[in-house]
Amino acid sequence: MYSFSADNNGEYISVIYSDYPPEAISSQEPETTLARSRDGFVSSIKGHIVSEAQIALKGHPGKIFMVNSTTDNLKEIQIQAHLYLVNNRLYQIVAIVAKDKEYSKEVADFFQSFDVTVHQ
């Protein structure tokens, strides 16, 4: 797993990707892989899903979801996550902000700027 993150004036943004063995991905539907990844993410932060939808990036399946959670110091947060399965690589694009705050234009731009180039 590889992770890249930044703090943008109290907004935490991150891109994480993991490579899976091709046979692990080809043995199940992409939706199953995305759902398991979503469930693992939500469970790891002890959150609950507020909303979710199917998305795609250049024809690659994805999922967007919003999660509410509480940090270890009892601060309520909201998380927006986009997952994309590109061949055997799973991308997780995440933004975290205090629950009582709105995401900034920079966070919206961050999500919009994400792209992939697939080499054959």
PDB file of N, CA and C in Angstrom:
ATOM      1  N   MET A   1       0.850  -1.168   0.000  1.00  0.00           N
ATOM      2  CA  MET A   1       0.000   0.000   0.000  1.00  0.00           C
ATOM      3  C   MET A   1       0.898   1.234   0.000  1.00  0.00           C
ATOM      4  N   TYR A   2       0.500   2.214  -0.777  1.00  0.00           N
ATOM      5  CA  TYR A   2       1.216   3.483  -0.863  1.00  0.00           C
ATOM      6  C   TYR A   2       0.246   4.604  -0.533  1.00  0.00           C
ATOM      7  N   SER A   3       0.706   5.581   0.230  1.00  0.00           N
ATOM      8  CA  SER A   3      -0.167   6.646   0.692  1.00  0.00           C
ATOM      9  C   SER A   3       0.524   7.994   0.544  1.00  0.00           C
ATOM     10  N   PHE A   4      -0.234   8.960   0.060  1.00  0.00           N
ATOM     11  CA  PHE A   4       0.241  10.334  -0.093  1.00  0.00           C
ATOM     12  C   PHE A   4      -0.824  11.239   0.497  1.00  0.00           C
ATOM     13  N   SER A   5      -0.428  12.141   1.399  1.00  0.00           N
ATOM     14  CA  SER A   5      -1.435  12.957   2.068  1.00  0.00           C
ATOM     15  C   SER A   5      -0.927  14.363   2.331  1.00  0.00           C
ATOM     16  N   ALA A   6      -1.882  15.225   2.616  1.00  0.00           N
ATOM     17  CA  ALA A   6      -1.579  16.620   2.929  1.00  0.00           C
ATOM     18  C   ALA A   6      -2.672  17.174   3.828  1.00  0.00           C
ATOM     19  N   ASP A   7      -2.314  18.191   4.582  1.00  0.00           N
ATOM     20  CA  ASP A   7      -3.271  18.900   5.424  1.00  0.00           C
ATOM     21  C   ASP A   7      -3.473  20.268   4.783  1.00  0.00           C
ATOM     22  N   ASN A   8      -4.716  20.574   4.464  1.00  0.00           N
ATOM     23  CA  ASN A   8      -5.059  21.824   3.797  1.00  0.00           C
ATOM     24  C   ASN A   8      -5.916  22.665   4.747  1.00  0.00           C
ATOM     25  N   ASN A   9      -5.278  23.417   5.642  1.00  0.00           N
ATOM     26  CA  ASN A   9      -5.999  24.277   6.578  1.00  0.00           C
ATOM     27  C   ASN A   9      -7.103  23.535   7.334  1.00  0.00           C
ATOM     28  N   GLY A  10      -6.746  22.401   7.915  1.00  0.00           N
ATOM     29  CA  GLY A  10      -7.712  21.631   8.692  1.00  0.00           C
ATOM     30  C   GLY A  10      -8.480  20.601   7.903  1.00  0.00           C
ATOM     31  N   GLU A  11      -8.269  20.557   6.604  1.00  0.00           N
ATOM     32  CA  GLU A  11      -8.850  19.520   5.756  1.00  0.00           C
ATOM     33  C   GLU A  11      -7.727  18.552   5.403  1.00  0.00           C
ATOM     34  N   TYR A  12      -7.940  17.301   5.676  1.00  0.00           N
ATOM     35  CA  TYR A  12      -6.949  16.278   5.400  1.00  0.00           C
ATOM     36  C   TYR A  12      -7.321  15.612   4.090  1.00  0.00           C
ATOM     37  N   ILE A  13      -6.386  15.529   3.144  1.00  0.00           N
ATOM     38  CA  ILE A  13      -6.630  14.871   1.863  1.00  0.00           C
ATOM     39  C   ILE A  13      -5.569  13.796   1.646  1.00  0.00           C
ATOM     40  N   SER A  14      -5.967  12.734   0.977  1.00  0.00           N
ATOM     41  CA  SER A  14      -5.064  11.609   0.807  1.00  0.00           C
ATOM     42  C   SER A  14      -5.405  10.818  -0.443  1.00  0.00           C
ATOM     43  N   VAL A  15      -4.365  10.252  -1.054  1.00  0.00           N
ATOM     44  CA  VAL A  15      -4.515   9.272  -2.124  1.00  0.00           C
ATOM     45  C   VAL A  15      -3.752   8.035  -1.677  1.00  0.00           C
ATOM     46  N   ILE A  16      -4.432   6.908  -1.703  1.00  0.00           N
ATOM     47  CA  ILE A  16      -3.849   5.633  -1.289  1.00  0.00           C
ATOM     48  C   ILE A  16      -4.081   4.655  -2.430  1.00  0.00           C
ATOM     49  N   TYR A  17      -3.062   3.858  -2.726  1.00  0.00           N
ATOM     50  CA  TYR A  17      -3.326   2.793  -3.683  1.00  0.00           C
ATOM     51  C   TYR A  17      -2.664   1.505  -3.253  1.00  0.00           C
ATOM     52  N   SER A  18      -3.322   0.423  -3.636  1.00  0.00           N
ATOM     53  CA  SER A  18      -2.866  -0.927  -3.312  1.00  0.00           C
ATOM     54  C   SER A  18      -2.957  -1.780  -4.556  1.00  0.00           C
ATOM     55  N   ASP A  19      -1.951  -2.610  -4.762  1.00  0.00           N
ATOM     56  CA  ASP A  19      -1.970  -3.567  -5.867  1.00  0.00           C
ATOM     57  C   ASP A  19      -2.336  -4.937  -5.331  1.00  0.00           C
ATOM     58  N   TYR A  20      -3.282  -5.575  -5.994  1.00  0.00           N
ATOM     59  CA  TYR A  20      -3.722  -6.911  -5.626  1.00  0.00           C
ATOM     60  C   TYR A  20      -3.207  -7.904  -6.662  1.00  0.00           C
ATOM     61  N   PRO A  21      -3.009  -9.152  -6.275  1.00  0.00           N
ATOM     62  CA  PRO A  21      -2.647 -10.160  -7.284  1.00  0.00           C
ATOM     63  C   PRO A  21      -3.761 -10.226  -8.333  1.00  0.00           C
ATOM     64  N   PRO A  22      -3.394 -10.269  -9.614  1.00  0.00           N
ATOM     65  CA  PRO A  22      -4.434 -10.291 -10.664  1.00  0.00           C
ATOM     66  C   PRO A  22      -5.477 -11.385 -10.461  1.00  0.00           C
ATOM     67  N   GLU A  23      -5.061 -12.555  -9.973  1.00  0.00           N
ATOM     68  CA  GLU A  23      -6.024 -13.643  -9.789  1.00  0.00           C
ATOM     69  C   GLU A  23      -7.033 -13.329  -8.674  1.00  0.00           C
ATOM     70  N   ALA A  24      -6.645 -12.524  -7.705  1.00  0.00           N
ATOM     71  CA  ALA A  24      -7.572 -12.146  -6.632  1.00  0.00           C
ATOM     72  C   ALA A  24      -8.661 -11.233  -7.171  1.00  0.00           C
ATOM     73  N   ILE A  25      -8.308 -10.389  -8.112  1.00  0.00           N
ATOM     74  CA  ILE A  25      -9.274  -9.456  -8.698  1.00  0.00           C
ATOM     75  C   ILE A  25     -10.155 -10.159  -9.719  1.00  0.00           C
ATOM     76  N   SER A  26      -9.556 -11.010 -10.537  1.00  0.00           N
ATOM     77  CA  SER A  26     -10.330 -11.660 -11.602  1.00  0.00           C
ATOM     78  C   SER A  26     -11.297 -12.714 -11.074  1.00  0.00           C
ATOM     79  N   SER A  27     -11.124 -13.141  -9.827  1.00  0.00           N
ATOM     80  CA  SER A  27     -11.989 -14.182  -9.276  1.00  0.00           C
ATOM     81  C   SER A  27     -13.293 -13.647  -8.693  1.00  0.00           C
ATOM     82  N   GLN A  28     -13.482 -12.323  -8.694  1.00  0.00           N
ATOM     83  CA  GLN A  28     -14.724 -11.762  -8.158  1.00  0.00           C
ATOM     84  C   GLN A  28     -15.143 -10.543  -8.970  1.00  0.00           C
ATOM     85  N   GLU A  29     -16.396 -10.197  -8.849  1.00  0.00           N
ATOM     86  CA  GLU A  29     -16.919  -9.020  -9.544  1.00  0.00           C
ATOM     87  C   GLU A  29     -16.269  -7.752  -8.988  1.00  0.00           C
ATOM     88  N   PRO A  30     -16.031  -6.744  -9.817  1.00  0.00           N
ATOM     89  CA  PRO A  30     -15.450  -5.487  -9.319  1.00  0.00           C
ATOM     90  C   PRO A  30     -16.259  -4.885  -8.171  1.00  0.00           C
ATOM     91  N   GLU A  31     -17.595  -4.975  -8.240  1.00  0.00           N
ATOM     92  CA  GLU A  31     -18.440  -4.423  -7.178  1.00  0.00           C
ATOM     93  C   GLU A  31     -18.136  -5.088  -5.832  1.00  0.00           C
ATOM     94  N   THR A  32     -17.829  -6.377  -5.855  1.00  0.00           N
ATOM     95  CA  THR A  32     -17.496  -7.090  -4.619  1.00  0.00           C
ATOM     96  C   THR A  32     -16.203  -6.548  -4.023  1.00  0.00           C
ATOM     97  N   THR A  33     -15.199  -6.351  -4.865  1.00  0.00           N
ATOM     98  CA  THR A  33     -13.930  -5.794  -4.398  1.00  0.00           C
ATOM     99  C   THR A  33     -14.135  -4.404  -3.819  1.00  0.00           C
ATOM    100  N   LEU A  34     -14.893  -3.568  -4.512  1.00  0.00           N
ATOM    101  CA  LEU A  34     -15.147  -2.204  -4.040  1.00  0.00           C
ATOM    102  C   LEU A  34     -15.933  -2.218  -2.729  1.00  0.00           C
ATOM    103  N   ALA A  35     -16.941  -3.067  -2.637  1.00  0.00           N
ATOM    104  CA  ALA A  35     -17.758  -3.137  -1.415  1.00  0.00           C
ATOM    105  C   ALA A  35     -16.924  -3.613  -0.229  1.00  0.00           C
ATOM    106  N   ARG A  36     -16.075  -4.591  -0.440  1.00  0.00           N
ATOM    107  CA  ARG A  36     -15.220  -5.079   0.649  1.00  0.00           C
ATOM    108  C   ARG A  36     -14.227  -4.005   1.087  1.00  0.00           C
ATOM    109  N   SER A  37     -13.700  -3.275   0.127  1.00  0.00           N
ATOM    110  CA  SER A  37     -12.769  -2.187   0.465  1.00  0.00           C
ATOM    111  C   SER A  37     -13.478  -1.088   1.241  1.00  0.00           C
ATOM    112  N   ARG A  38     -14.686  -0.723   0.786  1.00  0.00           N
ATOM    113  CA  ARG A  38     -15.485   0.269   1.498  1.00  0.00           C
ATOM    114  C   ARG A  38     -15.765  -0.192   2.925  1.00  0.00           C
ATOM    115  N   ASP A  39     -16.201  -1.421   3.070  1.00  0.00           N
ATOM    116  CA  ASP A  39     -16.544  -1.946   4.393  1.00  0.00           C
ATOM    117  C   ASP A  39     -15.321  -1.971   5.313  1.00  0.00           C
ATOM    118  N   GLY A  40     -14.172  -2.351   4.780  1.00  0.00           N
ATOM    119  CA  GLY A  40     -12.951  -2.361   5.580  1.00  0.00           C
ATOM    120  C   GLY A  40     -12.555  -0.969   6.020  1.00  0.00           C
ATOM    121  N   PHE A  41     -12.685  -0.010   5.116  1.00  0.00           N
ATOM    122  CA  PHE A  41     -12.366   1.381   5.425  1.00  0.00           C
ATOM    123  C   PHE A  41     -13.283   1.899   6.528  1.00  0.00           C
ATOM    124  N   VAL A  42     -14.592   1.712   6.360  1.00  0.00           N
ATOM    125  CA  VAL A  42     -15.571   2.211   7.325  1.00  0.00           C
ATOM    126  C   VAL A  42     -15.365   1.547   8.684  1.00  0.00           C
ATOM    127  N   SER A  43     -15.113   0.263   8.691  1.00  0.00           N
ATOM    128  CA  SER A  43     -14.882  -0.465   9.934  1.00  0.00           C
ATOM    129  C   SER A  43     -13.617   0.027  10.646  1.00  0.00           C
ATOM    130  N   SER A  44     -12.567   0.304   9.875  1.00  0.00           N
ATOM    131  CA  SER A  44     -11.290   0.720  10.476  1.00  0.00           C
ATOM    132  C   SER A  44     -11.387   2.066  11.184  1.00  0.00           C
ATOM    133  N   ILE A  45     -12.328   2.902  10.769  1.00  0.00           N
ATOM    134  CA  ILE A  45     -12.484   4.207  11.415  1.00  0.00           C
ATOM    135  C   ILE A  45     -13.716   4.254  12.319  1.00  0.00           C
ATOM    136  N   LYS A  46     -14.353   3.101  12.480  1.00  0.00           N
ATOM    137  CA  LYS A  46     -15.557   2.990  13.326  1.00  0.00           C
ATOM    138  C   LYS A  46     -16.608   4.025  12.921  1.00  0.00           C
ATOM    139  N   GLY A  47     -16.793   4.145  11.608  1.00  0.00           N
ATOM    140  CA  GLY A  47     -17.743   5.117  11.095  1.00  0.00           C
ATOM    141  C   GLY A  47     -19.037   4.483  10.641  1.00  0.00           C
ATOM    142  N   HIS A  48     -19.922   5.327  10.136  1.00  0.00           N
ATOM    143  CA  HIS A  48     -21.148   4.830   9.523  1.00  0.00           C
ATOM    144  C   HIS A  48     -21.395   5.596   8.228  1.00  0.00           C
ATOM    145  N   ILE A  49     -21.860   4.854   7.234  1.00  0.00           N
ATOM    146  CA  ILE A  49     -22.068   5.413   5.899  1.00  0.00           C
ATOM    147  C   ILE A  49     -23.310   6.293   5.910  1.00  0.00           C
ATOM    148  N   VAL A  50     -23.154   7.499   5.378  1.00  0.00           N
ATOM    149  CA  VAL A  50     -24.251   8.453   5.269  1.00  0.00           C
ATOM    150  C   VAL A  50     -24.880   8.380   3.883  1.00  0.00           C
ATOM    151  N   SER A  51     -24.035   8.220   2.860  1.00  0.00           N
ATOM    152  CA  SER A  51     -24.523   8.109   1.487  1.00  0.00           C
ATOM    153  C   SER A  51     -23.469   7.411   0.646  1.00  0.00           C
ATOM    154  N   GLU A  52     -23.919   6.851  -0.489  1.00  0.00           N
ATOM    155  CA  GLU A  52     -22.976   6.235  -1.414  1.00  0.00           C
ATOM    156  C   GLU A  52     -23.605   6.111  -2.790  1.00  0.00           C
ATOM    157  N   ALA A  53     -22.742   6.002  -3.794  1.00  0.00           N
ATOM    158  CA  ALA A  53     -23.197   5.857  -5.170  1.00  0.00           C
ATOM    159  C   ALA A  53     -22.104   5.191  -5.994  1.00  0.00           C
ATOM    160  N   GLN A  54     -22.530   4.594  -7.101  1.00  0.00           N
ATOM    161  CA  GLN A  54     -21.592   4.017  -8.051  1.00  0.00           C
ATOM    162  C   GLN A  54     -21.049   5.149  -8.914  1.00  0.00           C
ATOM    163  N   ILE A  55     -19.764   5.087  -9.238  1.00  0.00           N
ATOM    164  CA  ILE A  55     -19.146   6.048 -10.144  1.00  0.00           C
ATOM    165  C   ILE A  55     -18.195   5.278 -11.046  1.00  0.00           C
ATOM    166  N   ALA A  56     -17.593   5.971 -11.992  1.00  0.00           N
ATOM    167  CA  ALA A  56     -16.590   5.362 -12.865  1.00  0.00           C
ATOM    168  C   ALA A  56     -15.571   6.421 -13.239  1.00  0.00           C
ATOM    169  N   LEU A  57     -14.391   5.973 -13.574  1.00  0.00           N
ATOM    170  CA  LEU A  57     -13.320   6.849 -14.028  1.00  0.00           C
ATOM    171  C   LEU A  57     -12.714   6.212 -15.267  1.00  0.00           C
ATOM    172  N   LYS A  58     -12.922   6.849 -16.405  1.00  0.00           N
ATOM    173  CA  LYS A  58     -12.437   6.326 -17.686  1.00  0.00           C
ATOM    174  C   LYS A  58     -12.879   4.879 -17.901  1.00  0.00           C
ATOM    175  N   GLY A  59     -14.117   4.598 -17.519  1.00  0.00           N
ATOM    176  CA  GLY A  59     -14.666   3.267 -17.704  1.00  0.00           C
ATOM    177  C   GLY A  59     -14.314   2.268 -16.616  1.00  0.00           C
ATOM    178  N   HIS A  60     -13.528   2.672 -15.639  1.00  0.00           N
ATOM    179  CA  HIS A  60     -13.162   1.791 -14.528  1.00  0.00           C
ATOM    180  C   HIS A  60     -14.177   1.971 -13.403  1.00  0.00           C
ATOM    181  N   PRO A  61     -14.636   0.866 -12.814  1.00  0.00           N
ATOM    182  CA  PRO A  61     -15.683   0.950 -11.794  1.00  0.00           C
ATOM    183  C   PRO A  61     -15.199   1.643 -10.523  1.00  0.00           C
ATOM    184  N   GLY A  62     -16.150   2.320  -9.882  1.00  0.00           N
ATOM    185  CA  GLY A  62     -15.807   3.019  -8.652  1.00  0.00           C
ATOM    186  C   GLY A  62     -17.002   3.175  -7.744  1.00  0.00           C
ATOM    187  N   LYS A  63     -16.716   3.761  -6.611  1.00  0.00           N
ATOM    188  CA  LYS A  63     -17.732   3.976  -5.586  1.00  0.00           C
ATOM    189  C   LYS A  63     -17.364   5.268  -4.863  1.00  0.00           C
ATOM    190  N   ILE A  64     -18.361   6.097  -4.601  1.00  0.00           N
ATOM    191  CA  ILE A  64     -18.180   7.300  -3.787  1.00  0.00           C
ATOM    192  C   ILE A  64     -19.069   7.141  -2.565  1.00  0.00           C
ATOM    193  N   PHE A  65     -18.545   7.515  -1.396  1.00  0.00           N
ATOM    194  CA  PHE A  65     -19.368   7.428  -0.193  1.00  0.00           C
ATOM    195  C   PHE A  65     -18.933   8.467   0.826  1.00  0.00           C
ATOM    196  N   MET A  66     -19.894   8.824   1.659  1.00  0.00           N
ATOM    197  CA  MET A  66     -19.671   9.751   2.768  1.00  0.00           C
ATOM    198  C   MET A  66     -19.825   8.973   4.062  1.00  0.00           C
ATOM    199  N   VAL A  67     -18.938   9.261   5.012  1.00  0.00           N
ATOM    200  CA  VAL A  67     -18.928   8.559   6.289  1.00  0.00           C
ATOM    201  C   VAL A  67     -18.824   9.582   7.411  1.00  0.00           C
ATOM    202  N   ASN A  68     -19.561   9.364   8.478  1.00  0.00           N
ATOM    203  CA  ASN A  68     -19.383  10.142   9.706  1.00  0.00           C
ATOM    204  C   ASN A  68     -18.668   9.256  10.711  1.00  0.00           C
ATOM    205  N   SER A  69     -17.771   9.876  11.482  1.00  0.00           N
ATOM    206  CA  SER A  69     -17.019   9.134  12.482  1.00  0.00           C
ATOM    207  C   SER A  69     -16.605  10.080  13.591  1.00  0.00           C
ATOM    208  N   THR A  70     -15.946   9.524  14.589  1.00  0.00           N
ATOM    209  CA  THR A  70     -15.427  10.295  15.714  1.00  0.00           C
ATOM    210  C   THR A  70     -13.963   9.921  15.900  1.00  0.00           C
ATOM    211  N   THR A  71     -13.109  10.924  16.054  1.00  0.00           N
ATOM    212  CA  THR A  71     -11.689  10.664  16.254  1.00  0.00           C
ATOM    213  C   THR A  71     -11.443  10.159  17.673  1.00  0.00           C
ATOM    214  N   ASP A  72     -10.204   9.747  17.933  1.00  0.00           N
ATOM    215  CA  ASP A  72      -9.845   9.261  19.273  1.00  0.00           C
ATOM    216  C   ASP A  72     -10.045  10.325  20.344  1.00  0.00           C
ATOM    217  N   ASN A  73      -9.912  11.602  19.962  1.00  0.00           N
ATOM    218  CA  ASN A  73     -10.122  12.675  20.941  1.00  0.00           C
ATOM    219  C   ASN A  73     -11.562  13.221  20.890  1.00  0.00           C
ATOM    220  N   LEU A  74     -12.474  12.386  20.369  1.00  0.00           N
ATOM    221  CA  LEU A  74     -13.920  12.641  20.360  1.00  0.00           C
ATOM    222  C   LEU A  74     -14.358  13.806  19.470  1.00  0.00           C
ATOM    223  N   LYS A  75     -13.569  14.132  18.482  1.00  0.00           N
ATOM    224  CA  LYS A  75     -13.952  15.155  17.506  1.00  0.00           C
ATOM    225  C   LYS A  75     -14.745  14.475  16.386  1.00  0.00           C
ATOM    226  N   GLU A  76     -15.935  15.026  16.091  1.00  0.00           N
ATOM    227  CA  GLU A  76     -16.754  14.456  15.023  1.00  0.00           C
ATOM    228  C   GLU A  76     -16.231  14.914  13.673  1.00  0.00           C
ATOM    229  N   ILE A  77     -16.095  13.949  12.750  1.00  0.00           N
ATOM    230  CA  ILE A  77     -15.567  14.240  11.417  1.00  0.00           C
ATOM    231  C   ILE A  77     -16.477  13.645  10.356  1.00  0.00           C
ATOM    232  N   GLN A  78     -16.336  14.197   9.140  1.00  0.00           N
ATOM    233  CA  GLN A  78     -16.997  13.623   7.979  1.00  0.00           C
ATOM    234  C   GLN A  78     -15.920  13.296   6.951  1.00  0.00           C
ATOM    235  N   ILE A  79     -16.097  12.185   6.285  1.00  0.00           N
ATOM    236  CA  ILE A  79     -15.118  11.704   5.319  1.00  0.00           C
ATOM    237  C   ILE A  79     -15.825  11.476   3.999  1.00  0.00           C
ATOM    238  N   GLN A  80     -15.227  11.981   2.953  1.00  0.00           N
ATOM    239  CA  GLN A  80     -15.692  11.660   1.606  1.00  0.00           C
ATOM    240  C   GLN A  80     -14.606  10.794   0.986  1.00  0.00           C
ATOM    241  N   ALA A  81     -15.007   9.658   0.418  1.00  0.00           N
ATOM    242  CA  ALA A  81     -14.050   8.748  -0.188  1.00  0.00           C
ATOM    243  C   ALA A  81     -14.517   8.335  -1.571  1.00  0.00           C
ATOM    244  N   HIS A  82     -13.565   8.271  -2.488  1.00  0.00           N
ATOM    245  CA  HIS A  82     -13.809   7.748  -3.826  1.00  0.00           C
ATOM    246  C   HIS A  82     -12.905   6.531  -3.979  1.00  0.00           C
ATOM    247  N   LEU A  83     -13.463   5.414  -4.393  1.00  0.00           N
ATOM    248  CA  LEU A  83     -12.686   4.216  -4.672  1.00  0.00           C
ATOM    249  C   LEU A  83     -12.782   3.917  -6.157  1.00  0.00           C
ATOM    250  N   TYR A  84     -11.657   3.546  -6.758  1.00  0.00           N
ATOM    251  CA  TYR A  84     -11.638   3.140  -8.161  1.00  0.00           C
ATOM    252  C   TYR A  84     -10.825   1.863  -8.277  1.00  0.00           C
ATOM    253  N   LEU A  85     -11.344   0.913  -9.023  1.00  0.00           N
ATOM    254  CA  LEU A  85     -10.614  -0.309  -9.305  1.00  0.00           C
ATOM    255  C   LEU A  85     -10.141  -0.245 -10.754  1.00  0.00           C
ATOM    256  N   VAL A  86      -8.834  -0.115 -10.919  1.00  0.00           N
ATOM    257  CA  VAL A  86      -8.226  -0.006 -12.248  1.00  0.00           C
ATOM    258  C   VAL A  86      -7.343  -1.236 -12.437  1.00  0.00           C
ATOM    259  N   ASN A  87      -7.857  -2.181 -13.211  1.00  0.00           N
ATOM    260  CA  ASN A  87      -7.214  -3.484 -13.370  1.00  0.00           C
ATOM    261  C   ASN A  87      -7.045  -4.107 -11.989  1.00  0.00           C
ATOM    262  N   ASN A  88      -5.822  -4.328 -11.525  1.00  0.00           N
ATOM    263  CA  ASN A  88      -5.653  -4.933 -10.202  1.00  0.00           C
ATOM    264  C   ASN A  88      -5.187  -3.910  -9.155  1.00  0.00           C
ATOM    265  N   ARG A  89      -5.363  -2.636  -9.437  1.00  0.00           N
ATOM    266  CA  ARG A  89      -4.972  -1.577  -8.496  1.00  0.00           C
ATOM    267  C   ARG A  89      -6.217  -0.882  -7.956  1.00  0.00           C
ATOM    268  N   LEU A  90      -6.279  -0.763  -6.640  1.00  0.00           N
ATOM    269  CA  LEU A  90      -7.373  -0.055  -5.985  1.00  0.00           C
ATOM    270  C   LEU A  90      -6.875   1.309  -5.528  1.00  0.00           C
ATOM    271  N   TYR A  91      -7.537   2.359  -5.980  1.00  0.00           N
ATOM    272  CA  TYR A  91      -7.238   3.728  -5.556  1.00  0.00           C
ATOM    273  C   TYR A  91      -8.283   4.172  -4.548  1.00  0.00           C
ATOM    274  N   GLN A  92      -7.828   4.818  -3.482  1.00  0.00           N
ATOM    275  CA  GLN A  92      -8.719   5.416  -2.489  1.00  0.00           C
ATOM    276  C   GLN A  92      -8.360   6.894  -2.391  1.00  0.00           C
ATOM    277  N   ILE A  93      -9.284   7.757  -2.748  1.00  0.00           N
ATOM    278  CA  ILE A  93      -9.074   9.200  -2.675  1.00  0.00           C
ATOM    279  C   ILE A  93      -9.983   9.684  -1.553  1.00  0.00           C
ATOM    280  N   VAL A  94      -9.393  10.329  -0.545  1.00  0.00           N
ATOM    281  CA  VAL A  94     -10.107  10.608   0.695  1.00  0.00           C
ATOM    282  C   VAL A  94      -9.920  12.058   1.118  1.00  0.00           C
ATOM    283  N   ALA A  95     -10.987  12.651   1.629  1.00  0.00           N
ATOM    284  CA  ALA A  95     -10.919  13.972   2.264  1.00  0.00           C
ATOM    285  C   ALA A  95     -11.639  13.883   3.602  1.00  0.00           C
ATOM    286  N   ILE A  96     -11.035  14.497   4.614  1.00  0.00           N
ATOM    287  CA  ILE A  96     -11.602  14.491   5.961  1.00  0.00           C
ATOM    288  C   ILE A  96     -11.688  15.925   6.457  1.00  0.00           C
ATOM    289  N   VAL A  97     -12.826  16.265   7.047  1.00  0.00           N
ATOM    290  CA  VAL A  97     -13.034  17.602   7.593  1.00  0.00           C
ATOM    291  C   VAL A  97     -13.916  17.458   8.848  1.00  0.00           C
ATOM    292  N   ALA A  98     -13.843  18.449   9.714  1.00  0.00           N
ATOM    293  CA  ALA A  98     -14.718  18.455  10.892  1.00  0.00           C
ATOM    294  C   ALA A  98     -16.169  18.368  10.431  1.00  0.00           C
ATOM    295  N   LYS A  99     -16.986  17.667  11.181  1.00  0.00           N
ATOM    296  CA  LYS A  99     -18.376  17.428  10.777  1.00  0.00           C
ATOM    297  C   LYS A  99     -19.163  18.721  10.600  1.00  0.00           C
ATOM    298  N   ASP A 100     -18.824  19.759  11.343  1.00  0.00           N
ATOM    299  CA  ASP A 100     -19.571  21.014  11.252  1.00  0.00           C
ATOM    300  C   ASP A 100     -19.008  21.969  10.189  1.00  0.00           C
ATOM    301  N   LYS A 101     -18.089  21.502   9.356  1.00  0.00           N
ATOM    302  CA  LYS A 101     -17.475  22.332   8.309  1.00  0.00           C
ATOM    303  C   LYS A 101     -17.929  21.862   6.936  1.00  0.00           C
ATOM    304  N   GLU A 102     -17.809  22.738   5.974  1.00  0.00           N
ATOM    305  CA  GLU A 102     -18.060  22.398   4.579  1.00  0.00           C
ATOM    306  C   GLU A 102     -16.713  22.153   3.902  1.00  0.00           C
ATOM    307  N   TYR A 103     -16.704  21.255   2.920  1.00  0.00           N
ATOM    308  CA  TYR A 103     -15.483  21.049   2.148  1.00  0.00           C
ATOM    309  C   TYR A 103     -15.195  22.290   1.315  1.00  0.00           C
ATOM    310  N   SER A 104     -13.929  22.649   1.221  1.00  0.00           N
ATOM    311  CA  SER A 104     -13.524  23.831   0.462  1.00  0.00           C
ATOM    312  C   SER A 104     -13.499  23.539  -1.034  1.00  0.00           C
ATOM    313  N   LYS A 105     -13.365  24.594  -1.816  1.00  0.00           N
ATOM    314  CA  LYS A 105     -13.229  24.462  -3.262  1.00  0.00           C
ATOM    315  C   LYS A 105     -11.977  23.653  -3.589  1.00  0.00           C
ATOM    316  N   GLU A 106     -10.924  23.794  -2.768  1.00  0.00           N
ATOM    317  CA  GLU A 106      -9.690  23.057  -3.010  1.00  0.00           C
ATOM    318  C   GLU A 106      -9.910  21.548  -2.907  1.00  0.00           C
ATOM    319  N   VAL A 107     -10.754  21.130  -1.977  1.00  0.00           N
ATOM    320  CA  VAL A 107     -11.046  19.703  -1.850  1.00  0.00           C
ATOM    321  C   VAL A 107     -11.840  19.228  -3.061  1.00  0.00           C
ATOM    322  N   ALA A 108     -12.808  20.013  -3.486  1.00  0.00           N
ATOM    323  CA  ALA A 108     -13.568  19.655  -4.695  1.00  0.00           C
ATOM    324  C   ALA A 108     -12.629  19.554  -5.891  1.00  0.00           C
ATOM    325  N   ASP A 109     -11.711  20.499  -6.009  1.00  0.00           N
ATOM    326  CA  ASP A 109     -10.725  20.472  -7.094  1.00  0.00           C
ATOM    327  C   ASP A 109      -9.823  19.244  -6.990  1.00  0.00           C
ATOM    328  N   PHE A 110      -9.466  18.881  -5.761  1.00  0.00           N
ATOM    329  CA  PHE A 110      -8.645  17.695  -5.526  1.00  0.00           C
ATOM    330  C   PHE A 110      -9.332  16.451  -6.087  1.00  0.00           C
ATOM    331  N   PHE A 111     -10.606  16.257  -5.771  1.00  0.00           N
ATOM    332  CA  PHE A 111     -11.323  15.101  -6.291  1.00  0.00           C
ATOM    333  C   PHE A 111     -11.432  15.157  -7.810  1.00  0.00           C
ATOM    334  N   GLN A 112     -11.737  16.342  -8.341  1.00  0.00           N
ATOM    335  CA  GLN A 112     -11.897  16.490  -9.791  1.00  0.00           C
ATOM    336  C   GLN A 112     -10.591  16.272 -10.551  1.00  0.00           C
ATOM    337  N   SER A 113      -9.471  16.549  -9.910  1.00  0.00           N
ATOM    338  CA  SER A 113      -8.180  16.456 -10.606  1.00  0.00           C
ATOM    339  C   SER A 113      -7.652  15.026 -10.700  1.00  0.00           C
ATOM    340  N   PHE A 114      -8.220  14.109  -9.922  1.00  0.00           N
ATOM    341  CA  PHE A 114      -7.683  12.751  -9.925  1.00  0.00           C
ATOM    342  C   PHE A 114      -7.924  12.090 -11.274  1.00  0.00           C
ATOM    343  N   ASP A 115      -6.882  11.452 -11.776  1.00  0.00           N
ATOM    344  CA  ASP A 115      -6.952  10.789 -13.075  1.00  0.00           C
ATOM    345  C   ASP A 115      -5.985   9.599 -13.059  1.00  0.00           C
ATOM    346  N   VAL A 116      -6.183   8.685 -13.962  1.00  0.00           N
ATOM    347  CA  VAL A 116      -5.279   7.548 -14.086  1.00  0.00           C
ATOM    348  C   VAL A 116      -4.842   7.395 -15.530  1.00  0.00           C
ATOM    349  N   THR A 117      -3.647   6.894 -15.699  1.00  0.00           N
ATOM    350  CA  THR A 117      -3.128   6.522 -17.006  1.00  0.00           C
ATOM    351  C   THR A 117      -2.791   5.046 -16.914  1.00  0.00           C
ATOM    352  N   VAL A 118      -3.408   4.263 -17.766  1.00  0.00           N
ATOM    353  CA  VAL A 118      -3.205   2.822 -17.718  1.00  0.00           C
ATOM    354  C   VAL A 118      -2.238   2.436 -18.828  1.00  0.00           C
ATOM    355  N   HIS A 119      -1.158   1.780 -18.429  1.00  0.00           N
ATOM    356  CA  HIS A 119      -0.167   1.297 -19.387  1.00  0.00           C
ATOM    357  C   HIS A 119      -0.437  -0.176 -19.663  1.00  0.00           C
ATOM    358  N   GLN A 120      -0.440  -0.534 -20.893  1.00  0.00           N
ATOM    359  CA  GLN A 120      -0.680  -1.932 -21.276  1.00  0.00           C
ATOM    360  C   GLN A 120       0.617  -2.703 -21.309  1.00  0.00           C
TER     361      GLN A 120
END
